[in-house]
N, C-alpha and C. Protein backbone atom coordinates (compact mmCIF):
# COMPACT_ATOMS: atom_id res chain seq x y z
N UNK A 1 62.38 19.02 52.13
CA UNK A 1 62.53 20.16 51.28
C UNK A 1 63.88 20.66 51.90
N UNK A 2 64.82 21.00 50.79
CA UNK A 2 66.00 21.57 51.47
C UNK A 2 66.09 22.97 51.92
N UNK A 3 66.25 23.66 53.10
CA UNK A 3 66.27 25.03 53.58
C UNK A 3 67.64 25.51 53.91
N UNK A 4 68.06 26.40 53.25
CA UNK A 4 69.67 26.70 53.31
C UNK A 4 69.62 28.51 53.42
N UNK A 5 70.67 28.65 54.40
CA UNK A 5 70.59 30.13 54.86
C UNK A 5 71.75 30.95 53.68
N UNK A 6 71.47 31.57 52.84
CA UNK A 6 72.48 32.18 52.42
C UNK A 6 73.71 33.15 52.84
N UNK A 7 75.03 32.71 52.73
CA UNK A 7 75.98 33.45 53.21
C UNK A 7 77.29 33.44 52.40
N UNK A 8 78.16 34.57 52.93
CA UNK A 8 79.05 34.52 52.05
C UNK A 8 80.24 34.82 52.84
N UNK A 9 80.82 36.06 53.36
CA UNK A 9 81.87 36.10 54.06
C UNK A 9 81.57 36.81 55.79
N UNK A 10 82.38 36.41 56.61
CA UNK A 10 82.54 36.33 58.17
C UNK A 10 82.54 35.45 58.98
N UNK A 11 81.82 35.33 60.08
CA UNK A 11 81.76 34.22 61.07
C UNK A 11 80.49 33.78 61.22
N UNK A 12 80.39 32.42 61.39
CA UNK A 12 79.39 31.92 61.47
C UNK A 12 79.69 30.55 62.88
N UNK A 13 78.60 30.45 63.96
CA UNK A 13 78.92 29.53 64.66
C UNK A 13 78.86 28.14 64.21
N UNK A 14 79.53 27.06 65.10
CA UNK A 14 79.86 25.68 64.69
C UNK A 14 78.57 24.95 65.39
N UNK A 15 77.73 24.87 64.64
CA UNK A 15 76.01 24.34 64.96
C UNK A 15 75.54 24.02 63.62
N UNK A 16 74.97 22.95 64.05
CA UNK A 16 74.09 21.91 62.97
C UNK A 16 73.47 23.03 62.42
N UNK A 17 73.50 22.81 61.05
CA UNK A 17 72.98 23.87 59.88
C UNK A 17 72.96 23.58 58.50
N UNK A 18 72.51 24.05 57.39
CA UNK A 18 72.53 24.23 55.97
C UNK A 18 72.67 25.72 55.69
N UNK A 19 73.82 25.68 54.98
CA UNK A 19 74.35 27.23 54.29
C UNK A 19 74.70 27.35 53.06
N UNK A 20 74.29 28.23 52.21
CA UNK A 20 75.19 28.36 50.81
C UNK A 20 76.15 29.56 50.91
N UNK A 21 77.28 28.75 50.49
CA UNK A 21 78.23 29.98 50.18
C UNK A 21 78.68 30.02 48.42
N UNK A 22 78.09 31.43 47.91
CA UNK A 22 77.93 31.07 46.45
C UNK A 22 77.89 29.90 45.64
N UNK A 23 76.66 29.40 45.89
CA UNK A 23 75.93 28.39 45.35
C UNK A 23 76.29 27.09 45.66
N UNK A 24 77.66 26.90 46.51
CA UNK A 24 77.94 25.72 47.30
C UNK A 24 77.28 25.73 48.45
N UNK A 25 76.79 24.18 48.55
CA UNK A 25 76.07 24.03 49.47
C UNK A 25 76.44 23.50 50.73
N UNK A 26 76.58 23.61 51.79
CA UNK A 26 77.31 23.35 53.21
C UNK A 26 76.72 22.71 54.08
N UNK A 27 76.71 21.69 54.93
CA UNK A 27 75.89 21.14 55.78
C UNK A 27 76.85 20.99 56.92
N UNK A 28 76.45 21.08 58.35
CA UNK A 28 76.94 20.60 59.58
C UNK A 28 76.17 19.97 60.19
N UNK A 29 76.32 18.94 60.52
CA UNK A 29 75.42 17.81 61.31
C UNK A 29 76.20 17.25 62.69
N UNK A 30 75.47 17.11 63.65
CA UNK A 30 75.68 16.95 65.02
C UNK A 30 75.82 15.36 65.00
N UNK A 31 76.95 14.78 65.48
CA UNK A 31 77.11 13.30 65.44
C UNK A 31 78.21 12.87 66.75
N UNK A 32 76.89 12.32 67.47
CA UNK A 32 77.48 11.76 69.00
C UNK A 32 78.58 12.39 69.36
N UNK A 33 78.54 13.81 69.70
CA UNK A 33 79.42 14.96 70.27
C UNK A 33 80.55 15.18 69.32
N UNK A 34 80.22 14.81 68.11
CA UNK A 34 81.21 15.51 67.06
C UNK A 34 80.29 16.44 65.78
N UNK A 35 80.93 16.91 65.18
CA UNK A 35 80.13 18.07 64.23
C UNK A 35 80.73 17.24 62.54
N UNK A 36 79.71 17.16 61.92
CA UNK A 36 80.39 16.49 60.85
C UNK A 36 80.24 17.93 59.36
N UNK A 37 81.40 18.40 59.19
CA UNK A 37 81.27 19.10 58.04
C UNK A 37 81.16 18.67 56.49
N UNK A 38 80.26 19.13 55.74
CA UNK A 38 80.08 18.38 54.30
C UNK A 38 79.87 19.70 53.11
N UNK A 39 80.58 19.06 52.31
CA UNK A 39 80.43 20.25 50.87
C UNK A 39 80.80 19.53 49.62
N UNK A 40 79.82 18.57 48.99
CA UNK A 40 80.07 17.96 47.97
C UNK A 40 80.74 16.50 48.14
N UNK A 41 81.87 16.38 47.80
CA UNK A 41 82.62 15.12 48.29
C UNK A 41 83.31 15.62 49.47
N UNK A 42 83.48 16.69 49.85
CA UNK A 42 84.18 16.80 51.01
C UNK A 42 83.87 16.80 52.50
N UNK A 43 84.50 16.32 53.35
CA UNK A 43 83.71 15.91 54.36
C UNK A 43 84.65 15.92 55.53
N UNK A 44 84.24 16.46 56.63
CA UNK A 44 85.62 16.10 57.77
C UNK A 44 84.59 16.50 59.24
N UNK A 45 85.34 15.66 60.19
CA UNK A 45 85.00 15.70 61.77
C UNK A 45 85.31 16.62 62.62
N UNK A 46 84.87 17.20 63.15
CA UNK A 46 85.19 18.36 63.92
C UNK A 46 84.63 18.14 65.35
N UNK A 47 85.84 18.20 66.30
CA UNK A 47 85.40 18.05 67.84
C UNK A 47 84.63 19.39 68.19
N UNK A 48 83.51 19.36 68.82
CA UNK A 48 82.66 20.38 69.45
C UNK A 48 83.42 21.54 70.35
N UNK A 49 83.27 23.14 70.14
CA UNK A 49 83.86 23.75 70.75
C UNK A 49 83.17 25.02 70.69
N UNK A 50 84.01 26.05 71.29
CA UNK A 50 83.24 27.37 71.25
C UNK A 50 83.75 28.21 69.91
N UNK A 51 84.52 27.67 69.25
CA UNK A 51 85.36 28.33 67.79
C UNK A 51 84.08 28.68 66.83
N UNK A 52 84.18 29.39 66.32
CA UNK A 52 83.63 29.75 65.08
C UNK A 52 83.81 29.53 63.74
N UNK A 53 83.30 29.52 62.73
CA UNK A 53 83.92 29.46 61.60
C UNK A 53 84.24 30.56 60.71
N UNK A 54 85.45 30.64 60.24
CA UNK A 54 85.44 31.91 59.65
C UNK A 54 85.58 32.15 58.13
N UNK A 55 84.68 32.68 57.19
CA UNK A 55 84.62 32.30 55.75
C UNK A 55 85.37 33.95 55.26
N UNK A 56 86.21 33.65 54.74
CA UNK A 56 87.13 35.03 53.93
C UNK A 56 87.53 34.55 52.53
N UNK A 57 87.52 35.62 51.98
CA UNK A 57 88.42 35.57 50.17
C UNK A 57 89.85 35.22 50.41
N UNK A 58 90.37 34.46 49.33
CA UNK A 58 91.83 34.47 49.34
C UNK A 58 92.07 34.53 48.05
N UNK A 59 93.17 35.17 47.99
CA UNK A 59 93.82 35.69 46.16
C UNK A 59 93.68 34.27 45.54
N UNK A 60 93.33 33.96 44.09
CA UNK A 60 93.18 33.41 43.33
C UNK A 60 94.63 32.72 42.54
N UNK A 61 95.61 32.47 43.50
CA UNK A 61 97.10 32.06 42.95
C UNK A 61 97.21 30.63 42.84
N UNK A 62 96.16 29.87 43.17
CA UNK A 62 95.90 28.52 41.99
C UNK A 62 96.85 27.75 42.60
N UNK A 63 97.59 27.39 41.56
CA UNK A 63 99.10 26.24 41.93
C UNK A 63 100.32 27.15 42.24
N UNK A 64 100.20 28.27 43.40
CA UNK A 64 101.59 29.18 43.93
C UNK A 64 101.77 30.21 42.88
N UNK A 65 100.90 30.67 41.95
CA UNK A 65 101.48 31.82 40.99
C UNK A 65 101.46 33.02 41.95
N UNK A 66 102.34 33.84 41.52
CA UNK A 66 102.58 35.19 42.28
C UNK A 66 101.76 36.52 41.77
N UNK A 67 101.16 36.30 40.19
CA UNK A 67 100.64 37.18 39.73
C UNK A 67 99.21 36.94 39.03
N UNK A 68 98.57 37.99 39.15
CA UNK A 68 97.08 37.67 38.29
C UNK A 68 97.34 38.65 36.87
N UNK A 69 96.72 37.85 35.97
CA UNK A 69 96.50 38.61 34.73
C UNK A 69 95.13 38.93 34.41
N UNK A 70 94.58 40.37 34.19
CA UNK A 70 93.31 40.37 33.69
C UNK A 70 93.42 41.24 32.51
N UNK A 71 92.73 40.55 31.74
CA UNK A 71 92.79 41.02 30.35
C UNK A 71 91.72 42.01 29.77
N UNK A 72 91.73 43.33 29.71
CA UNK A 72 90.17 43.87 29.02
C UNK A 72 89.78 43.31 28.08
N UNK A 73 88.44 42.97 27.83
CA UNK A 73 87.66 42.37 26.88
C UNK A 73 87.91 43.55 25.85
N UNK A 74 87.84 44.48 26.20
CA UNK A 74 87.93 45.81 25.46
C UNK A 74 89.05 46.93 25.73
N UNK A 75 90.24 47.06 25.02
CA UNK A 75 91.51 48.00 25.40
C UNK A 75 90.56 49.13 25.80
N UNK A 76 91.15 50.03 26.98
CA UNK A 76 91.09 51.27 27.19
C UNK A 76 92.32 52.46 26.46
N UNK A 77 91.95 53.25 26.19
CA UNK A 77 92.53 54.69 25.51
C UNK A 77 92.74 55.72 26.38
N UNK A 78 93.79 55.92 27.10
CA UNK A 78 93.92 57.21 28.19
C UNK A 78 94.61 58.37 27.39
N UNK A 79 94.14 59.73 27.31
CA UNK A 79 94.89 60.52 26.80
C UNK A 79 96.31 60.89 27.63
N UNK A 80 96.97 61.79 26.88
CA UNK A 80 98.11 62.07 27.30
C UNK A 80 98.18 63.05 28.84
N UNK A 81 98.91 62.55 29.77
CA UNK A 81 99.16 63.18 31.64
C UNK A 81 97.60 63.16 31.89
N UNK A 82 96.96 62.16 31.71
CA UNK A 82 95.49 61.99 32.32
C UNK A 82 95.29 60.28 32.86
N UNK A 83 94.35 60.30 33.61
CA UNK A 83 94.35 59.09 34.45
C UNK A 83 92.69 58.54 33.90
N UNK A 84 92.22 57.28 34.11
CA UNK A 84 91.41 56.45 33.96
C UNK A 84 91.25 55.61 35.18
N UNK A 85 90.02 55.66 35.91
CA UNK A 85 89.50 54.65 37.10
C UNK A 85 88.33 53.98 36.60
N UNK A 86 88.72 52.53 37.08
CA UNK A 86 87.26 51.64 36.74
C UNK A 86 87.93 50.52 37.43
N UNK A 87 86.76 49.38 37.04
CA UNK A 87 86.79 48.19 37.98
C UNK A 87 86.87 46.99 37.13
N UNK A 88 87.29 45.60 37.42
CA UNK A 88 86.88 44.68 36.33
C UNK A 88 86.73 43.59 37.49
N UNK A 89 86.01 42.29 36.96
CA UNK A 89 85.42 41.26 37.82
C UNK A 89 86.93 40.37 37.90
N UNK A 90 87.06 39.62 38.97
CA UNK A 90 88.09 39.12 39.14
C UNK A 90 88.11 37.87 39.45
N UNK A 91 88.91 36.81 39.60
CA UNK A 91 88.66 35.53 40.31
C UNK A 91 89.29 35.47 41.67
N UNK A 92 88.95 34.81 42.75
CA UNK A 92 89.08 34.45 44.12
C UNK A 92 88.56 33.31 44.68
N UNK A 93 89.58 32.93 45.63
CA UNK A 93 88.93 31.72 46.27
C UNK A 93 88.70 31.88 47.37
N UNK A 94 87.59 31.04 47.94
CA UNK A 94 86.68 31.44 49.32
C UNK A 94 87.58 30.42 50.06
N UNK A 95 87.99 31.00 51.44
CA UNK A 95 88.46 30.37 52.29
C UNK A 95 87.83 30.06 53.45
N UNK A 96 87.63 28.58 53.96
CA UNK A 96 86.84 28.27 55.62
C UNK A 96 87.76 27.86 56.68
N UNK A 97 87.75 28.67 57.55
CA UNK A 97 89.07 28.48 58.41
C UNK A 97 88.49 28.26 59.92
N UNK A 98 89.29 27.63 60.69
CA UNK A 98 88.97 27.21 62.00
C UNK A 98 90.33 28.16 62.49
N UNK A 99 90.10 29.15 63.43
CA UNK A 99 91.50 29.59 63.78
C UNK A 99 92.31 29.84 62.60
N UNK A 100 93.71 29.91 62.32
CA UNK A 100 94.37 29.65 61.57
C UNK A 100 94.62 28.53 60.59
N UNK A 101 93.77 27.42 60.93
CA UNK A 101 94.01 26.20 59.71
C UNK A 101 92.84 26.66 58.74
N UNK A 102 93.07 25.74 57.60
CA UNK A 102 92.22 25.95 56.65
C UNK A 102 91.21 24.58 56.46
N UNK A 103 89.82 24.69 57.01
CA UNK A 103 89.13 23.70 56.87
C UNK A 103 88.94 23.18 55.44
N UNK A 104 88.60 24.11 54.68
CA UNK A 104 88.09 23.95 52.98
C UNK A 104 88.38 25.06 51.99
N UNK A 105 88.29 24.96 50.58
CA UNK A 105 88.96 25.91 49.96
C UNK A 105 87.81 25.84 49.04
N UNK A 106 87.31 26.57 48.52
CA UNK A 106 86.08 27.04 47.25
C UNK A 106 86.98 27.75 46.24
N UNK A 107 87.00 27.23 45.09
CA UNK A 107 87.46 27.88 43.71
C UNK A 107 86.36 28.51 42.87
N UNK A 108 86.50 30.08 42.95
CA UNK A 108 85.24 30.55 42.17
C UNK A 108 85.69 30.45 40.80
N UNK A 109 84.76 29.94 40.00
CA UNK A 109 85.22 29.76 38.54
C UNK A 109 86.43 28.68 38.03
N UNK A 110 86.58 28.57 36.83
CA UNK A 110 87.43 27.70 36.25
C UNK A 110 88.78 28.55 36.32
N UNK A 111 89.54 27.55 36.83
CA UNK A 111 91.55 27.96 37.18
C UNK A 111 91.68 28.45 35.09
N UNK A 112 92.52 29.13 34.76
CA UNK A 112 93.10 29.35 34.08
C UNK A 112 94.29 30.33 33.98
N UNK A 113 95.37 29.72 33.23
CA UNK A 113 96.90 30.58 33.38
C UNK A 113 97.43 30.85 31.98
N UNK A 114 98.27 31.73 32.32
CA UNK A 114 98.95 32.27 31.23
C UNK A 114 100.45 32.69 31.42
N UNK A 115 101.38 32.87 30.36
CA UNK A 115 102.50 33.35 30.56
C UNK A 115 102.78 34.78 30.85
N UNK A 116 103.25 35.23 31.67
CA UNK A 116 103.54 36.52 32.16
C UNK A 116 104.69 36.91 31.64
N UNK A 117 105.08 37.71 30.50
CA UNK A 117 106.68 37.85 29.92
C UNK A 117 106.51 36.63 29.02
N UNK A 118 107.84 36.73 28.42
CA UNK A 118 108.09 35.79 27.31
C UNK A 118 108.22 34.42 27.68
N UNK A 119 108.42 33.36 26.67
CA UNK A 119 108.15 31.92 26.95
C UNK A 119 109.39 31.41 27.68
N UNK A 120 110.37 31.91 27.09
CA UNK A 120 111.57 31.33 27.88
C UNK A 120 111.73 31.84 29.28
N UNK A 121 111.78 33.24 29.54
CA UNK A 121 111.82 33.82 30.78
C UNK A 121 110.37 34.05 31.47
N UNK A 122 109.32 33.84 31.24
CA UNK A 122 108.45 34.19 31.81
C UNK A 122 107.97 33.54 33.09
N UNK A 123 106.79 34.11 33.80
CA UNK A 123 106.42 33.75 34.69
C UNK A 123 104.88 32.82 34.73
N UNK A 124 104.50 32.17 35.33
CA UNK A 124 103.28 31.66 35.08
C UNK A 124 102.18 32.29 35.94
N UNK A 125 101.11 33.20 35.12
CA UNK A 125 100.16 33.72 36.02
C UNK A 125 98.77 33.58 35.97
N UNK A 126 98.11 33.82 36.97
CA UNK A 126 96.62 33.56 36.96
C UNK A 126 95.93 34.37 35.58
N UNK A 127 95.02 33.64 35.30
CA UNK A 127 94.53 34.52 33.98
C UNK A 127 93.13 34.81 34.38
N UNK A 128 92.66 35.99 33.82
CA UNK A 128 91.00 36.26 33.69
C UNK A 128 90.63 36.89 32.68
N UNK A 129 89.49 37.31 32.11
CA UNK A 129 89.15 38.39 31.14
C UNK A 129 87.88 38.81 31.43
N UNK A 130 87.83 39.89 31.56
CA UNK A 130 86.78 41.00 32.37
C UNK A 130 86.48 42.19 31.38
N UNK A 131 85.18 42.81 31.32
CA UNK A 131 84.82 43.56 30.89
C UNK A 131 85.20 45.03 31.78
N UNK A 132 85.45 45.97 31.15
CA UNK A 132 85.85 47.40 32.07
C UNK A 132 84.50 47.99 32.54
N UNK A 133 84.75 48.40 34.09
CA UNK A 133 83.16 48.95 34.18
C UNK A 133 83.69 50.54 34.73
N UNK A 134 82.80 51.47 34.59
CA UNK A 134 83.36 52.97 35.48
C UNK A 134 82.51 52.62 37.01
N UNK A 135 81.76 51.65 36.91
CA UNK A 135 81.10 51.64 38.24
C UNK A 135 81.25 50.21 38.99
N UNK A 136 81.55 49.74 40.13
CA UNK A 136 81.46 48.78 40.56
C UNK A 136 80.62 47.65 40.02
N UNK A 137 80.99 46.34 39.57
CA UNK A 137 80.25 45.50 38.91
C UNK A 137 79.58 44.46 39.94
N UNK A 138 78.39 44.01 39.63
CA UNK A 138 77.87 43.26 40.49
C UNK A 138 78.22 41.82 40.46
N UNK A 139 79.43 41.67 40.89
CA UNK A 139 80.09 40.05 40.82
C UNK A 139 81.03 39.98 42.27
N UNK A 140 81.12 38.86 42.19
CA UNK A 140 81.40 38.28 43.64
C UNK A 140 82.73 38.64 44.07
N UNK A 141 83.71 38.99 43.05
CA UNK A 141 84.96 39.60 43.57
C UNK A 141 85.20 40.65 42.46
N UNK A 142 85.74 41.80 43.18
CA UNK A 142 85.99 42.79 41.90
C UNK A 142 87.58 43.32 42.38
N UNK A 143 88.28 44.07 41.43
CA UNK A 143 89.43 44.78 41.55
C UNK A 143 89.04 46.26 41.19
N UNK A 144 89.42 47.22 41.65
CA UNK A 144 89.23 48.72 41.61
C UNK A 144 90.85 48.99 41.14
N UNK A 145 90.81 49.77 40.03
CA UNK A 145 92.23 49.90 39.18
C UNK A 145 92.00 51.27 38.98
N UNK A 146 93.56 52.01 38.99
CA UNK A 146 93.63 53.41 38.02
C UNK A 146 94.82 53.30 37.03
N UNK A 147 94.47 53.64 35.63
CA UNK A 147 95.52 53.71 34.64
C UNK A 147 95.79 55.01 34.63
N UNK A 148 97.42 55.31 34.82
CA UNK A 148 98.07 56.62 34.82
C UNK A 148 98.82 56.45 33.73
N UNK A 149 98.11 57.82 32.81
CA UNK A 149 99.06 57.87 31.52
C UNK A 149 99.96 58.94 31.77
N UNK A 150 101.55 59.02 32.27
CA UNK A 150 102.22 59.91 32.44
C UNK A 150 102.70 60.48 31.30
N UNK A 151 102.85 59.74 30.36
CA UNK A 151 103.38 60.20 29.03
C UNK A 151 102.72 61.11 27.94
N UNK A 152 103.50 61.56 27.29
CA UNK A 152 103.19 63.04 26.24
C UNK A 152 102.26 62.38 25.22
N UNK A 153 101.98 61.18 25.34
CA UNK A 153 101.31 60.61 23.96
C UNK A 153 100.21 59.80 24.48
N UNK A 154 98.99 59.50 23.57
CA UNK A 154 98.10 58.48 23.84
C UNK A 154 98.62 57.40 24.16
N UNK A 155 97.75 56.45 25.07
CA UNK A 155 98.15 55.46 25.43
C UNK A 155 96.76 54.23 25.46
N UNK A 156 97.52 52.83 24.89
CA UNK A 156 96.40 52.19 25.06
C UNK A 156 96.56 51.26 26.27
N UNK A 157 95.97 50.58 26.96
CA UNK A 157 96.15 49.98 28.19
C UNK A 157 95.05 48.51 27.75
N UNK A 158 95.61 47.41 27.66
CA UNK A 158 95.14 46.20 27.41
C UNK A 158 94.74 45.16 28.46
N UNK A 159 95.26 45.30 29.77
CA UNK A 159 95.27 44.22 30.66
C UNK A 159 95.89 44.53 31.97
N UNK A 160 95.35 44.20 33.09
CA UNK A 160 96.52 44.42 34.51
C UNK A 160 97.13 43.48 35.07
N UNK A 161 98.36 43.52 34.97
CA UNK A 161 99.34 42.32 35.75
C UNK A 161 99.69 42.85 37.28
N UNK A 162 99.18 41.91 37.88
CA UNK A 162 99.79 42.61 39.63
C UNK A 162 100.00 41.41 40.43
N UNK A 163 100.91 41.87 41.38
CA UNK A 163 101.21 40.74 42.50
C UNK A 163 100.19 40.12 43.37
N UNK A 164 99.84 38.98 43.47
CA UNK A 164 98.72 38.79 44.23
C UNK A 164 99.35 37.77 45.56
N UNK A 165 100.37 37.25 45.49
CA UNK A 165 100.89 36.18 46.43
C UNK A 165 101.08 36.98 47.87
N UNK A 166 100.22 36.57 48.62
CA UNK A 166 100.19 36.87 50.16
C UNK A 166 99.22 38.48 50.19
N UNK A 167 98.86 38.86 49.27
CA UNK A 167 98.19 39.89 49.48
C UNK A 167 97.13 39.92 50.45
N UNK A 168 96.61 41.31 50.88
CA UNK A 168 95.84 41.48 51.91
C UNK A 168 94.65 41.46 50.69
N UNK A 169 93.49 40.79 51.16
CA UNK A 169 92.43 40.80 50.59
C UNK A 169 91.38 41.74 51.41
N UNK A 170 89.91 42.30 50.73
CA UNK A 170 89.19 43.07 51.70
C UNK A 170 87.79 42.45 51.27
N UNK A 171 86.70 42.83 52.21
CA UNK A 171 85.55 41.98 51.87
C UNK A 171 84.43 42.72 52.78
N UNK A 172 82.86 42.63 52.28
CA UNK A 172 81.81 42.91 52.68
C UNK A 172 81.24 41.62 53.25
N UNK A 173 79.83 41.71 53.74
CA UNK A 173 79.27 40.47 53.87
C UNK A 173 78.63 39.57 52.47
N UNK A 174 78.90 40.22 51.19
CA UNK A 174 78.60 39.64 50.11
C UNK A 174 79.46 39.52 49.06
N UNK A 175 80.70 40.53 49.00
CA UNK A 175 81.61 40.59 48.01
C UNK A 175 82.85 40.77 48.65
N UNK A 176 83.93 39.82 47.69
CA UNK A 176 85.42 40.22 47.90
C UNK A 176 86.26 41.36 47.20
N UNK A 177 87.01 41.84 47.66
CA UNK A 177 87.68 43.02 46.68
C UNK A 177 89.19 42.74 47.03
N UNK A 178 90.04 42.74 45.92
CA UNK A 178 91.47 42.74 45.77
C UNK A 178 91.88 44.51 46.13
N UNK A 179 93.01 44.72 46.78
CA UNK A 179 93.37 45.78 46.94
C UNK A 179 93.55 46.69 45.46
N UNK A 180 93.22 48.19 45.60
CA UNK A 180 93.31 49.19 44.59
C UNK A 180 94.65 49.07 43.86
N UNK A 181 94.65 48.94 42.84
CA UNK A 181 95.71 48.56 41.55
C UNK A 181 96.09 50.04 40.90
N UNK A 182 97.32 50.35 40.90
CA UNK A 182 97.68 51.34 40.26
C UNK A 182 98.56 51.11 38.88
N UNK A 183 98.33 51.30 37.74
CA UNK A 183 99.15 51.08 36.88
C UNK A 183 99.56 52.34 35.96
N UNK A 184 100.83 52.90 35.96
CA UNK A 184 101.44 53.89 35.38
C UNK A 184 102.43 53.52 34.36
N UNK A 185 102.32 54.52 33.55
CA UNK A 185 103.07 54.36 32.30
C UNK A 185 103.56 55.74 32.03
N UNK A 186 104.81 55.63 31.88
CA UNK A 186 105.96 57.02 31.52
C UNK A 186 107.21 56.69 30.88
N UNK A 187 107.44 57.45 30.22
CA UNK A 187 109.01 57.16 29.59
C UNK A 187 109.24 55.92 29.11
N UNK A 188 107.87 55.15 28.49
CA UNK A 188 108.38 53.67 27.64
C UNK A 188 108.22 52.40 28.81
N UNK A 189 108.18 53.05 30.18
CA UNK A 189 108.08 51.99 31.33
C UNK A 189 106.39 51.66 31.59
N UNK A 190 106.15 50.52 32.50
CA UNK A 190 104.93 50.30 33.10
C UNK A 190 105.03 50.18 34.08
N UNK A 191 104.82 50.70 35.46
CA UNK A 191 104.87 50.26 36.74
C UNK A 191 103.71 49.89 37.48
N UNK A 192 103.86 48.76 37.82
CA UNK A 192 102.31 48.43 38.81
C UNK A 192 102.46 48.81 40.43
N UNK A 193 101.91 48.95 40.84
CA UNK A 193 101.58 49.24 42.35
C UNK A 193 100.14 48.54 42.86
N UNK A 194 100.51 47.85 43.54
CA UNK A 194 99.31 47.23 44.48
C UNK A 194 99.48 47.93 46.09
N UNK A 195 98.62 48.86 45.97
CA UNK A 195 98.71 49.79 47.01
C UNK A 195 98.26 49.11 48.44
N UNK A 196 98.04 47.79 48.30
CA UNK A 196 97.27 47.55 49.73
C UNK A 196 96.40 48.00 50.07
N UNK A 197 95.80 49.04 49.84
CA UNK A 197 94.63 49.95 50.67
C UNK A 197 93.37 49.29 50.18
N UNK A 198 92.43 49.55 50.96
CA UNK A 198 91.01 49.38 50.53
C UNK A 198 90.34 50.06 49.49
N UNK A 199 89.55 49.22 48.76
CA UNK A 199 89.01 50.03 47.48
C UNK A 199 87.97 50.98 47.95
N UNK A 200 87.08 50.98 49.16
CA UNK A 200 86.30 51.65 49.45
C UNK A 200 86.25 51.61 50.90
N UNK A 201 85.65 52.69 51.87
CA UNK A 201 85.75 52.60 53.18
C UNK A 201 84.52 51.21 53.61
N UNK A 202 84.43 51.02 54.68
CA UNK A 202 83.71 49.92 55.19
C UNK A 202 83.88 48.33 55.37
N UNK A 203 85.23 48.44 54.80
CA UNK A 203 85.33 46.91 54.43
C UNK A 203 86.38 46.35 55.13
N UNK A 204 86.16 44.95 55.45
CA UNK A 204 87.43 44.34 56.48
C UNK A 204 88.37 43.51 55.37
N UNK A 205 89.70 43.84 56.22
CA UNK A 205 90.74 42.97 55.75
C UNK A 205 90.67 41.97 56.47
N UNK A 206 91.38 40.88 55.62
CA UNK A 206 91.68 39.77 55.81
C UNK A 206 93.23 39.36 56.76
N UNK A 207 93.92 40.37 56.84
CA UNK A 207 95.01 40.43 57.44
C UNK A 207 95.60 41.96 57.97
N UNK A 208 96.79 41.89 58.53
CA UNK A 208 97.38 43.39 58.79
C UNK A 208 97.91 43.65 57.23
N UNK A 209 97.68 45.06 56.96
CA UNK A 209 98.31 45.39 55.55
C UNK A 209 99.64 45.75 56.16
N UNK A 210 100.31 45.00 54.96
CA UNK A 210 101.69 44.99 54.79
C UNK A 210 102.30 45.69 53.49
N UNK A 211 103.26 46.08 53.52
CA UNK A 211 103.83 46.79 52.06
C UNK A 211 103.88 45.98 51.00
N UNK A 212 103.44 46.33 49.70
CA UNK A 212 103.74 45.46 48.41
C UNK A 212 104.52 45.95 47.74
N UNK A 213 105.44 45.51 47.16
CA UNK A 213 106.38 46.35 46.61
C UNK A 213 106.02 46.61 44.81
N UNK A 214 106.23 47.80 44.49
CA UNK A 214 106.28 48.05 43.15
C UNK A 214 106.90 46.98 42.26
N UNK A 215 106.45 47.27 41.30
CA UNK A 215 107.31 46.23 40.11
C UNK A 215 106.95 46.76 38.61
N UNK A 216 108.42 46.74 37.64
CA UNK A 216 108.43 47.20 36.33
C UNK A 216 107.88 46.37 35.50
N UNK A 217 106.45 46.38 34.93
CA UNK A 217 106.00 45.30 33.98
C UNK A 217 106.38 45.04 33.03
N UNK A 218 106.72 43.83 32.59
CA UNK A 218 107.08 43.56 31.03
C UNK A 218 106.32 43.62 29.87
N UNK A 219 106.76 44.56 29.05
CA UNK A 219 106.03 45.31 27.92
C UNK A 219 105.62 44.04 27.03
């Protein structure tokens, strides 16, 4: 009978064991002074050392895209001069690292893409569809967002589009988070801010916090 330790994010010692990362079976075996890492059809030999295996979330930029588009399954309508705070389920990758080197990469969910902007001048963006939640959902990866309607009119928000290339991510032992995203509309423009800030206290960042530029979203 297979016995697995259920594990998500953090450090694990490089020792012979079996564990699960989001339903992916990982096994480390000892072979004549070497360690064999196996996951499905992926296997690598590792020289034994005192290093640990680091398991962290990574933005779901797939084939090098710079944006993530999360479509709301039901649009959110916000009154004039008001804000709405919510959460969406989000795609991410799981990176297994030795030092700064990527040992393996687990992709959560199917990769889907869309065009952000028009077909002729638009950019390819990673795509995901999610319900909108007022409380943090029970999902492997979530994004907290703020919709700010600075206009004098009611506004309908149908999606989030935000930069994810080289963004910091945050994690607890069992869940990944994108930084808090602010979507501001005013005077006919939509401004997106990846705050690079943690959505709640007590989370661990994947890298040092660096500024992320605001940008005006194409309508």
